[in-house]
């Protein structure tokens, strides 16, 4: 059973305490402006105080409309990186090979390893929450 930690038109963040898993799920709604990006990620960052040690994070962006403009990437990656630091393991679930390449590129730019998957079972196995 999951508990919703945060929800808006663009994202849902839920906690499955029995699995030690927080899931950030991006909706299919496109951001209309960078103000909306900031509003959504400010809300997501707000859950940081509710994260206990030992939890894992699954970032599910399979529904997200493709977007790779520099201003968006800068904002979204900074916000997710700040959140990701609170978790023992992080995996990103993407829909396409292009999404996997973009996730890998962004991780390299941040100086981290990408753990991108297009298969949910494989992502959960990596997170060791199956």
Protein backbone atom coordinates (compact mmCIF):
# COMPACT_ATOMS: atom_id res chain seq x y z
CA UNK A 1 0.00 0.00 0.00
CA UNK A 2 1.37 3.38 -1.01
CA UNK A 3 0.99 6.73 0.68
CA UNK A 4 0.92 9.87 -1.46
CA UNK A 5 3.62 12.27 -0.24
CA UNK A 6 3.04 14.91 -2.92
CA UNK A 7 0.81 15.32 -5.95
CA UNK A 8 0.21 18.00 -8.54
CA UNK A 9 -0.74 18.05 -12.23
CA UNK A 10 2.79 17.07 -13.31
CA UNK A 11 4.01 14.58 -10.71
CA UNK A 12 2.99 12.14 -8.02
CA UNK A 13 5.39 11.09 -5.27
CA UNK A 14 4.38 8.08 -3.22
CA UNK A 15 5.90 5.98 -0.46
CA UNK A 16 5.61 2.21 -0.26
CA UNK A 17 6.98 1.75 3.26
CA UNK A 18 6.79 -2.04 3.11
CA UNK A 19 9.22 -2.04 0.16
CA UNK A 20 11.31 0.91 1.35
CA UNK A 21 10.53 2.65 -1.93
CA UNK A 22 9.65 6.19 -2.90
CA UNK A 23 8.29 6.53 -6.43
CA UNK A 24 8.38 9.82 -8.33
CA UNK A 25 5.99 9.45 -11.27
CA UNK A 26 5.86 12.13 -13.94
CA UNK A 27 2.42 12.56 -15.52
CA UNK A 28 1.74 13.01 -19.24
CA UNK A 29 0.91 16.70 -18.81
CA UNK A 30 3.49 18.99 -20.41
CA UNK A 31 4.83 21.90 -18.39
CA UNK A 32 3.46 25.14 -19.84
CA UNK A 33 6.27 27.30 -18.48
CA UNK A 34 9.38 27.25 -16.34
CA UNK A 35 7.24 28.72 -13.56
CA UNK A 36 5.21 25.50 -13.56
CA UNK A 37 8.44 23.46 -13.50
CA UNK A 38 9.63 25.43 -10.47
CA UNK A 39 6.27 25.12 -8.70
CA UNK A 40 6.15 21.37 -9.16
CA UNK A 41 9.74 20.76 -8.09
CA UNK A 42 9.38 23.06 -5.07
CA UNK A 43 6.53 20.81 -3.98
CA UNK A 44 8.56 17.67 -4.60
CA UNK A 45 11.51 19.06 -2.65
CA UNK A 46 9.13 19.64 0.24
CA UNK A 47 8.93 15.90 0.90
CA UNK A 48 12.64 15.79 1.78
CA UNK A 49 11.98 16.09 5.49
CA UNK A 50 9.76 12.99 5.32
CA UNK A 51 12.47 10.77 3.83
CA UNK A 52 13.99 8.36 6.32
CA UNK A 53 17.41 6.73 5.87
CA UNK A 54 17.54 3.54 3.86
CA UNK A 55 14.81 4.31 1.34
CA UNK A 56 15.28 3.87 -2.41
CA UNK A 57 13.94 6.11 -5.18
CA UNK A 58 12.36 5.12 -8.49
CA UNK A 59 12.01 8.04 -10.91
CA UNK A 60 9.38 7.01 -13.47
CA UNK A 61 9.34 9.39 -16.44
CA UNK A 62 7.75 7.03 -18.96
CA UNK A 63 4.66 9.22 -19.39
CA UNK A 64 6.52 12.55 -19.52
CA UNK A 65 6.42 14.40 -22.83
CA UNK A 66 9.90 14.54 -24.38
CA UNK A 67 11.75 17.74 -23.58
CA UNK A 68 15.44 18.60 -23.67
CA UNK A 69 15.79 22.36 -23.74
CA UNK A 70 18.68 23.57 -21.56
CA UNK A 71 16.60 25.71 -19.18
CA UNK A 72 14.24 22.84 -18.42
CA UNK A 73 17.03 20.29 -18.04
CA UNK A 74 18.93 22.57 -15.68
CA UNK A 75 15.94 23.14 -13.41
CA UNK A 76 14.61 19.61 -13.38
CA UNK A 77 17.96 17.91 -12.93
CA UNK A 78 18.98 20.21 -10.07
CA UNK A 79 15.71 19.50 -8.28
CA UNK A 80 15.85 15.75 -8.77
CA UNK A 81 19.52 15.58 -7.86
CA UNK A 82 18.81 17.37 -4.58
CA UNK A 83 16.05 14.89 -3.83
CA UNK A 84 18.05 11.85 -4.98
CA UNK A 85 20.85 12.56 -2.50
CA UNK A 86 18.53 11.49 0.31
CA UNK A 87 18.23 7.91 -0.98
CA UNK A 88 20.53 4.90 -0.79
CA UNK A 89 19.81 3.90 -4.43
CA UNK A 90 18.11 5.62 -7.35
CA UNK A 91 16.83 4.18 -10.62
CA UNK A 92 15.19 5.99 -13.52
CA UNK A 93 12.49 4.29 -15.54
CA UNK A 94 12.23 5.54 -19.13
CA UNK A 95 10.06 4.59 -22.09
CA UNK A 96 12.54 4.66 -24.97
CA UNK A 97 16.17 4.13 -25.91
CA UNK A 98 16.39 7.89 -26.53
CA UNK A 99 15.16 8.48 -22.96
CA UNK A 100 17.85 6.14 -21.68
CA UNK A 101 20.52 8.02 -23.66
CA UNK A 102 19.29 11.38 -22.36
CA UNK A 103 19.25 10.11 -18.77
CA UNK A 104 22.80 8.78 -19.17
CA UNK A 105 24.00 12.08 -20.67
CA UNK A 106 22.47 14.12 -17.86
CA UNK A 107 23.96 11.84 -15.21
CA UNK A 108 27.42 12.22 -16.74
CA UNK A 109 27.00 16.00 -16.73
CA UNK A 110 26.27 15.80 -13.00
CA UNK A 111 29.23 13.49 -12.42
CA UNK A 112 27.10 10.53 -11.38
CA UNK A 113 26.24 7.13 -12.81
CA UNK A 114 22.96 6.65 -14.60
CA UNK A 115 20.85 3.72 -13.58
CA UNK A 116 18.27 3.98 -16.36
CA UNK A 117 15.92 1.16 -17.25
CA UNK A 118 13.13 0.63 -19.75
CA UNK A 119 11.84 -2.37 -17.79
CA UNK A 120 10.19 -1.81 -14.40
CA UNK A 121 11.08 -5.26 -13.06
CA UNK A 122 14.76 -4.66 -13.86
CA UNK A 123 14.67 -1.24 -12.17
CA UNK A 124 13.07 -2.72 -9.05
CA UNK A 125 15.59 -5.56 -9.04
CA UNK A 126 18.42 -3.00 -9.21
CA UNK A 127 16.84 -1.17 -6.29
CA UNK A 128 16.49 -4.53 -4.56
CA UNK A 129 12.86 -3.99 -3.65
CA UNK A 130 11.26 -6.82 -5.66
